[in-house]
């Protein structure tokens, strides 16, 4: 299967908590890596993770086999989703656009994104990535 993933799921993959099964392909919007950095920065600021470990996780995440998307069609689809749902920001819409255009389902660990996505795309827990 082809899964769109969010930054929280990418963190689970980079940390080794979720191992992607052979045969599953991953896609995400270009913003997934900066979003992951924001999660890691919050962890460092709260004391949940030290800086060296956080940056090492980000490096592992950049080495994950994932197709990053940000073409004109996905940006326009994100725009349309945000307008249709009257969202003030494009962040969620970008993940949903990639899921709509390029994936069978969105594997998301961010509960807020899961709530928003459930009415728009098929949603799976990150653990679904371990099955082929």
N, C-alpha and C. Protein backbone atom coordinates (compact mmCIF):
# COMPACT_ATOMS: atom_id res chain seq x y z
N UNK A 1 0.83 -1.19 0.00
CA UNK A 1 0.00 0.00 0.00
C UNK A 1 0.87 1.25 0.00
N UNK A 2 0.26 2.31 -0.40
CA UNK A 2 0.93 3.61 -0.35
C UNK A 2 0.25 4.45 0.72
N UNK A 3 1.05 4.91 1.68
CA UNK A 3 0.54 5.70 2.79
C UNK A 3 1.11 7.11 2.75
N UNK A 4 0.24 8.09 2.97
CA UNK A 4 0.69 9.43 3.30
C UNK A 4 0.94 9.40 4.81
N UNK A 5 1.97 10.08 5.26
CA UNK A 5 2.26 10.09 6.70
C UNK A 5 2.41 11.52 7.20
N UNK A 6 2.15 11.69 8.49
CA UNK A 6 2.34 12.99 9.12
C UNK A 6 3.68 13.01 9.85
N UNK A 7 4.04 14.16 10.39
CA UNK A 7 5.34 14.31 11.06
C UNK A 7 5.44 13.43 12.31
N UNK A 8 4.34 13.27 13.03
CA UNK A 8 4.37 12.43 14.23
C UNK A 8 4.62 10.97 13.88
N UNK A 9 4.09 10.53 12.75
CA UNK A 9 4.34 9.16 12.30
C UNK A 9 5.78 9.02 11.82
N UNK A 10 6.29 10.03 11.14
CA UNK A 10 7.69 10.00 10.72
C UNK A 10 8.61 9.91 11.93
N UNK A 11 8.25 10.56 13.02
CA UNK A 11 9.04 10.46 14.25
C UNK A 11 9.03 9.03 14.78
N UNK A 12 7.88 8.38 14.75
CA UNK A 12 7.80 6.98 15.19
C UNK A 12 8.67 6.08 14.33
N UNK A 13 8.71 6.36 13.03
CA UNK A 13 9.55 5.56 12.12
C UNK A 13 11.02 5.82 12.41
N UNK A 14 11.40 7.08 12.52
CA UNK A 14 12.80 7.44 12.76
C UNK A 14 13.31 6.90 14.10
N UNK A 15 12.43 6.84 15.09
CA UNK A 15 12.84 6.35 16.40
C UNK A 15 12.83 4.83 16.49
N UNK A 16 12.33 4.16 15.45
CA UNK A 16 12.31 2.70 15.42
C UNK A 16 11.08 2.10 16.08
N UNK A 17 10.15 2.93 16.52
CA UNK A 17 8.93 2.43 17.15
C UNK A 17 7.96 1.83 16.14
N UNK A 18 8.06 2.26 14.89
CA UNK A 18 7.27 1.69 13.80
C UNK A 18 8.24 1.34 12.68
N UNK A 19 8.18 0.09 12.23
CA UNK A 19 9.03 -0.37 11.14
C UNK A 19 8.13 -0.58 9.92
N UNK A 20 8.44 0.10 8.85
CA UNK A 20 7.62 0.03 7.64
C UNK A 20 7.88 -1.29 6.92
N UNK A 21 6.81 -2.01 6.67
CA UNK A 21 6.91 -3.30 5.99
C UNK A 21 7.34 -3.10 4.54
N UNK A 22 8.10 -4.05 4.04
CA UNK A 22 8.49 -4.04 2.64
C UNK A 22 7.21 -4.06 1.81
N UNK A 23 7.17 -3.26 0.79
CA UNK A 23 5.98 -3.20 -0.05
C UNK A 23 5.10 -2.01 0.25
N UNK A 24 5.28 -1.39 1.41
CA UNK A 24 4.53 -0.17 1.71
C UNK A 24 5.37 1.04 1.30
N UNK A 25 4.76 1.93 0.56
CA UNK A 25 5.44 3.15 0.12
C UNK A 25 4.92 4.33 0.94
N UNK A 26 5.81 5.29 1.20
CA UNK A 26 5.46 6.46 2.00
C UNK A 26 5.55 7.72 1.17
N UNK A 27 4.55 8.59 1.35
CA UNK A 27 4.55 9.91 0.73
C UNK A 27 4.17 10.93 1.79
N UNK A 28 4.61 12.16 1.60
CA UNK A 28 4.29 13.23 2.54
C UNK A 28 4.50 14.56 1.84
N UNK A 29 3.86 15.61 2.35
CA UNK A 29 4.13 16.93 1.78
C UNK A 29 5.54 17.38 2.18
N UNK A 30 6.09 18.29 1.42
CA UNK A 30 7.43 18.81 1.71
C UNK A 30 7.56 19.32 3.14
N UNK A 31 6.49 19.79 3.72
CA UNK A 31 6.54 20.38 5.05
C UNK A 31 6.75 19.36 6.17
N UNK A 32 6.75 18.07 5.87
CA UNK A 32 6.85 17.05 6.93
C UNK A 32 8.15 17.19 7.73
N UNK A 33 9.26 17.50 7.09
CA UNK A 33 10.52 17.61 7.83
C UNK A 33 10.56 18.85 8.73
N UNK A 34 10.15 20.03 8.26
CA UNK A 34 10.07 21.16 9.20
C UNK A 34 9.06 20.92 10.33
N UNK A 35 7.95 20.25 10.02
CA UNK A 35 6.98 19.93 11.07
C UNK A 35 7.60 18.99 12.11
N UNK A 36 8.40 18.03 11.64
CA UNK A 36 9.09 17.14 12.56
C UNK A 36 10.07 17.93 13.44
N UNK A 37 10.78 18.86 12.84
CA UNK A 37 11.69 19.70 13.64
C UNK A 37 10.95 20.45 14.73
N UNK A 38 9.74 20.91 14.43
CA UNK A 38 8.95 21.61 15.45
C UNK A 38 8.59 20.68 16.60
N UNK A 39 8.22 19.44 16.29
CA UNK A 39 7.92 18.46 17.34
C UNK A 39 9.16 18.22 18.19
N UNK A 40 10.30 18.04 17.53
CA UNK A 40 11.55 17.77 18.26
C UNK A 40 11.98 18.96 19.10
N UNK A 41 11.81 20.17 18.58
CA UNK A 41 12.14 21.37 19.34
C UNK A 41 11.27 21.45 20.60
N UNK A 42 9.99 21.17 20.46
CA UNK A 42 9.10 21.18 21.62
C UNK A 42 9.55 20.14 22.65
N UNK A 43 9.98 18.96 22.17
CA UNK A 43 10.49 17.93 23.08
C UNK A 43 11.72 18.41 23.83
N UNK A 44 12.63 19.05 23.12
CA UNK A 44 13.86 19.56 23.75
C UNK A 44 13.51 20.64 24.76
N UNK A 45 12.64 21.55 24.37
CA UNK A 45 12.28 22.64 25.27
C UNK A 45 11.58 22.15 26.53
N UNK A 46 10.82 21.05 26.41
CA UNK A 46 10.11 20.52 27.58
C UNK A 46 10.98 19.60 28.42
N UNK A 47 12.17 19.24 27.90
CA UNK A 47 13.05 18.33 28.61
C UNK A 47 12.78 16.86 28.32
N UNK A 48 11.86 16.58 27.41
CA UNK A 48 11.53 15.19 27.08
C UNK A 48 12.63 14.51 26.27
N UNK A 49 13.46 15.31 25.62
CA UNK A 49 14.52 14.77 24.76
C UNK A 49 15.69 15.75 24.80
N UNK A 50 16.92 15.24 24.76
CA UNK A 50 18.04 16.19 24.68
C UNK A 50 18.29 16.57 23.22
N UNK A 51 18.98 17.67 23.05
CA UNK A 51 19.17 18.23 21.71
C UNK A 51 19.90 17.27 20.76
N UNK A 52 20.93 16.62 21.26
CA UNK A 52 21.70 15.70 20.41
C UNK A 52 20.81 14.57 19.91
N UNK A 53 20.00 14.00 20.78
CA UNK A 53 19.09 12.91 20.39
C UNK A 53 18.04 13.41 19.40
N UNK A 54 17.53 14.61 19.64
CA UNK A 54 16.52 15.18 18.74
C UNK A 54 17.08 15.37 17.34
N UNK A 55 18.28 15.93 17.24
CA UNK A 55 18.88 16.16 15.93
C UNK A 55 19.24 14.85 15.24
N UNK A 56 19.63 13.85 16.03
CA UNK A 56 19.93 12.53 15.44
C UNK A 56 18.65 11.91 14.87
N UNK A 57 17.53 12.07 15.57
CA UNK A 57 16.26 11.57 15.05
C UNK A 57 15.88 12.28 13.75
N UNK A 58 16.11 13.57 13.70
CA UNK A 58 15.80 14.31 12.47
C UNK A 58 16.66 13.81 11.32
N UNK A 59 17.91 13.55 11.58
CA UNK A 59 18.79 13.01 10.54
C UNK A 59 18.28 11.65 10.07
N UNK A 60 17.91 10.78 11.00
CA UNK A 60 17.36 9.47 10.61
C UNK A 60 16.09 9.65 9.78
N UNK A 61 15.27 10.61 10.16
CA UNK A 61 14.03 10.86 9.42
C UNK A 61 14.32 11.27 7.98
N UNK A 62 15.37 12.08 7.79
CA UNK A 62 15.70 12.52 6.43
C UNK A 62 16.21 11.37 5.58
N UNK A 63 16.66 10.30 6.23
CA UNK A 63 17.16 9.12 5.51
C UNK A 63 16.06 8.09 5.25
N UNK A 64 14.86 8.34 5.77
CA UNK A 64 13.74 7.44 5.55
C UNK A 64 13.32 7.51 4.09
N UNK A 65 13.02 6.35 3.54
CA UNK A 65 12.60 6.31 2.14
C UNK A 65 11.16 6.82 2.05
N UNK A 66 11.05 8.09 1.69
CA UNK A 66 9.76 8.74 1.62
C UNK A 66 9.76 9.69 0.43
N UNK A 67 8.70 9.70 -0.30
CA UNK A 67 8.59 10.60 -1.45
C UNK A 67 7.93 11.88 -0.98
N UNK A 68 8.67 12.98 -1.04
CA UNK A 68 8.14 14.28 -0.62
C UNK A 68 7.48 14.95 -1.82
N UNK A 69 6.30 15.50 -1.58
CA UNK A 69 5.52 16.09 -2.66
C UNK A 69 5.18 17.53 -2.34
N UNK A 70 5.19 18.34 -3.34
CA UNK A 70 4.82 19.73 -3.18
C UNK A 70 4.62 20.38 -4.53
N UNK A 71 4.06 19.63 -5.46
CA UNK A 71 3.87 20.19 -6.79
C UNK A 71 2.64 21.09 -6.84
N UNK A 72 2.46 21.69 -7.97
CA UNK A 72 1.37 22.65 -8.14
C UNK A 72 0.00 22.02 -7.91
N UNK A 73 -0.18 20.78 -8.35
CA UNK A 73 -1.47 20.11 -8.19
C UNK A 73 -1.77 19.86 -6.72
N UNK A 74 -0.80 19.37 -5.95
CA UNK A 74 -1.07 19.11 -4.54
C UNK A 74 -1.27 20.41 -3.77
N UNK A 75 -0.54 21.46 -4.13
CA UNK A 75 -0.76 22.76 -3.46
C UNK A 75 -2.14 23.30 -3.76
N UNK A 76 -2.59 23.16 -5.00
CA UNK A 76 -3.92 23.64 -5.37
C UNK A 76 -5.00 22.81 -4.66
N UNK A 77 -4.77 21.51 -4.58
CA UNK A 77 -5.72 20.65 -3.87
C UNK A 77 -5.78 21.04 -2.39
N UNK A 78 -4.64 21.33 -1.80
CA UNK A 78 -4.60 21.78 -0.40
C UNK A 78 -5.38 23.09 -0.25
N UNK A 79 -5.17 24.00 -1.16
CA UNK A 79 -5.90 25.28 -1.14
C UNK A 79 -7.41 25.02 -1.19
N UNK A 80 -7.82 24.17 -2.13
CA UNK A 80 -9.25 23.87 -2.28
C UNK A 80 -9.84 23.23 -1.02
N UNK A 81 -9.10 22.32 -0.41
CA UNK A 81 -9.56 21.69 0.84
C UNK A 81 -9.72 22.73 1.95
N UNK A 82 -8.74 23.60 2.08
CA UNK A 82 -8.79 24.62 3.13
C UNK A 82 -9.97 25.57 2.90
N UNK A 83 -10.20 25.94 1.68
CA UNK A 83 -11.34 26.81 1.37
C UNK A 83 -12.67 26.10 1.63
N UNK A 84 -12.75 24.86 1.18
CA UNK A 84 -13.97 24.08 1.34
C UNK A 84 -14.35 23.89 2.81
N UNK A 85 -13.34 23.71 3.67
CA UNK A 85 -13.59 23.46 5.09
C UNK A 85 -13.40 24.70 5.96
N UNK A 86 -13.14 25.84 5.31
CA UNK A 86 -12.97 27.12 6.00
C UNK A 86 -11.87 27.08 7.05
N UNK A 87 -10.73 26.46 6.67
CA UNK A 87 -9.58 26.40 7.56
C UNK A 87 -8.72 27.65 7.37
N UNK A 88 -8.18 28.15 8.45
CA UNK A 88 -7.35 29.35 8.39
C UNK A 88 -5.91 29.06 7.95
N UNK A 89 -5.50 27.80 8.04
CA UNK A 89 -4.13 27.41 7.68
C UNK A 89 -4.16 26.26 6.68
N UNK A 90 -3.03 26.07 6.01
CA UNK A 90 -2.92 25.01 5.00
C UNK A 90 -2.27 23.74 5.51
N UNK A 91 -1.72 23.75 6.71
CA UNK A 91 -0.95 22.59 7.21
C UNK A 91 -1.74 21.28 7.06
N UNK A 92 -2.89 21.16 7.66
CA UNK A 92 -3.67 19.92 7.57
C UNK A 92 -4.04 19.63 6.11
N UNK A 93 -4.41 20.66 5.41
CA UNK A 93 -4.83 20.51 4.01
C UNK A 93 -3.70 19.93 3.15
N UNK A 94 -2.46 20.29 3.44
CA UNK A 94 -1.35 19.75 2.65
C UNK A 94 -1.20 18.24 2.86
N UNK A 95 -1.33 17.79 4.10
CA UNK A 95 -1.26 16.35 4.36
C UNK A 95 -2.43 15.62 3.69
N UNK A 96 -3.61 16.21 3.77
CA UNK A 96 -4.79 15.59 3.18
C UNK A 96 -4.73 15.61 1.65
N UNK A 97 -4.16 16.66 1.08
CA UNK A 97 -4.02 16.71 -0.37
C UNK A 97 -3.11 15.59 -0.86
N UNK A 98 -2.00 15.39 -0.20
CA UNK A 98 -1.09 14.31 -0.58
C UNK A 98 -1.78 12.96 -0.42
N UNK A 99 -2.51 12.80 0.68
CA UNK A 99 -3.23 11.53 0.89
C UNK A 99 -4.28 11.31 -0.19
N UNK A 100 -4.99 12.35 -0.54
CA UNK A 100 -6.04 12.25 -1.55
C UNK A 100 -5.47 11.91 -2.93
N UNK A 101 -4.38 12.57 -3.28
CA UNK A 101 -3.83 12.44 -4.64
C UNK A 101 -2.88 11.28 -4.82
N UNK A 102 -2.16 10.88 -3.76
CA UNK A 102 -1.04 9.96 -3.94
C UNK A 102 -1.03 8.73 -3.05
N UNK A 103 -2.06 8.55 -2.22
CA UNK A 103 -1.99 7.46 -1.24
C UNK A 103 -3.31 6.70 -1.14
N UNK A 104 -3.20 5.51 -0.59
CA UNK A 104 -4.39 4.71 -0.29
C UNK A 104 -5.01 5.13 1.04
N UNK A 105 -4.17 5.63 1.95
CA UNK A 105 -4.64 6.04 3.27
C UNK A 105 -3.62 6.99 3.89
N UNK A 106 -4.07 7.71 4.90
CA UNK A 106 -3.20 8.58 5.69
C UNK A 106 -2.90 7.85 7.00
N UNK A 107 -1.63 7.56 7.25
CA UNK A 107 -1.21 6.99 8.53
C UNK A 107 -0.76 8.17 9.39
N UNK A 108 -1.54 8.46 10.41
CA UNK A 108 -1.29 9.66 11.20
C UNK A 108 -1.30 9.34 12.69
N UNK A 109 -0.36 9.96 13.40
CA UNK A 109 -0.27 9.82 14.85
C UNK A 109 -0.75 11.08 15.57
N UNK A 110 -0.92 12.15 14.84
CA UNK A 110 -1.38 13.42 15.41
C UNK A 110 -2.91 13.33 15.57
N UNK A 111 -3.42 13.27 16.82
CA UNK A 111 -4.86 13.09 17.02
C UNK A 111 -5.71 14.19 16.38
N UNK A 112 -5.20 15.40 16.38
CA UNK A 112 -5.95 16.51 15.76
C UNK A 112 -6.10 16.29 14.27
N UNK A 113 -5.01 15.88 13.61
CA UNK A 113 -5.07 15.62 12.17
C UNK A 113 -5.98 14.43 11.89
N UNK A 114 -5.93 13.41 12.71
CA UNK A 114 -6.80 12.25 12.53
C UNK A 114 -8.27 12.68 12.55
N UNK A 115 -8.64 13.53 13.52
CA UNK A 115 -10.03 14.00 13.61
C UNK A 115 -10.46 14.74 12.35
N UNK A 116 -9.59 15.61 11.86
CA UNK A 116 -9.91 16.40 10.66
C UNK A 116 -9.96 15.50 9.43
N UNK A 117 -9.04 14.56 9.35
CA UNK A 117 -8.90 13.73 8.15
C UNK A 117 -9.99 12.68 8.00
N UNK A 118 -10.54 12.21 9.10
CA UNK A 118 -11.45 11.06 9.07
C UNK A 118 -12.63 11.24 8.12
N UNK A 119 -13.11 12.45 7.94
CA UNK A 119 -14.25 12.69 7.05
C UNK A 119 -13.82 12.89 5.60
N UNK A 120 -12.50 12.92 5.35
CA UNK A 120 -12.02 13.28 4.01
C UNK A 120 -11.28 12.14 3.33
N UNK A 121 -10.44 11.43 4.08
CA UNK A 121 -9.63 10.34 3.50
C UNK A 121 -9.67 9.13 4.44
N UNK A 122 -9.25 8.00 3.92
CA UNK A 122 -9.09 6.82 4.78
C UNK A 122 -7.92 7.08 5.73
N UNK A 123 -8.12 6.80 7.00
CA UNK A 123 -7.10 7.04 8.02
C UNK A 123 -6.73 5.71 8.66
N UNK A 124 -5.43 5.54 8.88
CA UNK A 124 -4.91 4.32 9.51
C UNK A 124 -3.97 4.73 10.65
N UNK A 125 -3.87 3.90 11.67
CA UNK A 125 -2.88 4.20 12.72
C UNK A 125 -1.48 3.92 12.18
N UNK A 126 -0.46 4.54 12.74
CA UNK A 126 0.91 4.29 12.28
C UNK A 126 1.29 2.82 12.26
N UNK A 127 0.74 2.03 13.16
CA UNK A 127 1.06 0.61 13.22
C UNK A 127 0.65 -0.13 11.95
N UNK A 128 -0.26 0.44 11.18
CA UNK A 128 -0.67 -0.19 9.91
C UNK A 128 0.49 -0.28 8.94
N UNK A 129 1.49 0.56 9.10
CA UNK A 129 2.65 0.55 8.21
C UNK A 129 3.46 -0.73 8.35
N UNK A 130 3.31 -1.41 9.47
CA UNK A 130 4.10 -2.63 9.70
C UNK A 130 3.54 -3.83 8.96
N UNK A 131 2.30 -3.74 8.49
CA UNK A 131 1.68 -4.83 7.73
C UNK A 131 1.88 -4.61 6.24
N UNK A 132 2.08 -5.69 5.51
CA UNK A 132 2.23 -5.53 4.05
C UNK A 132 1.00 -6.01 3.33
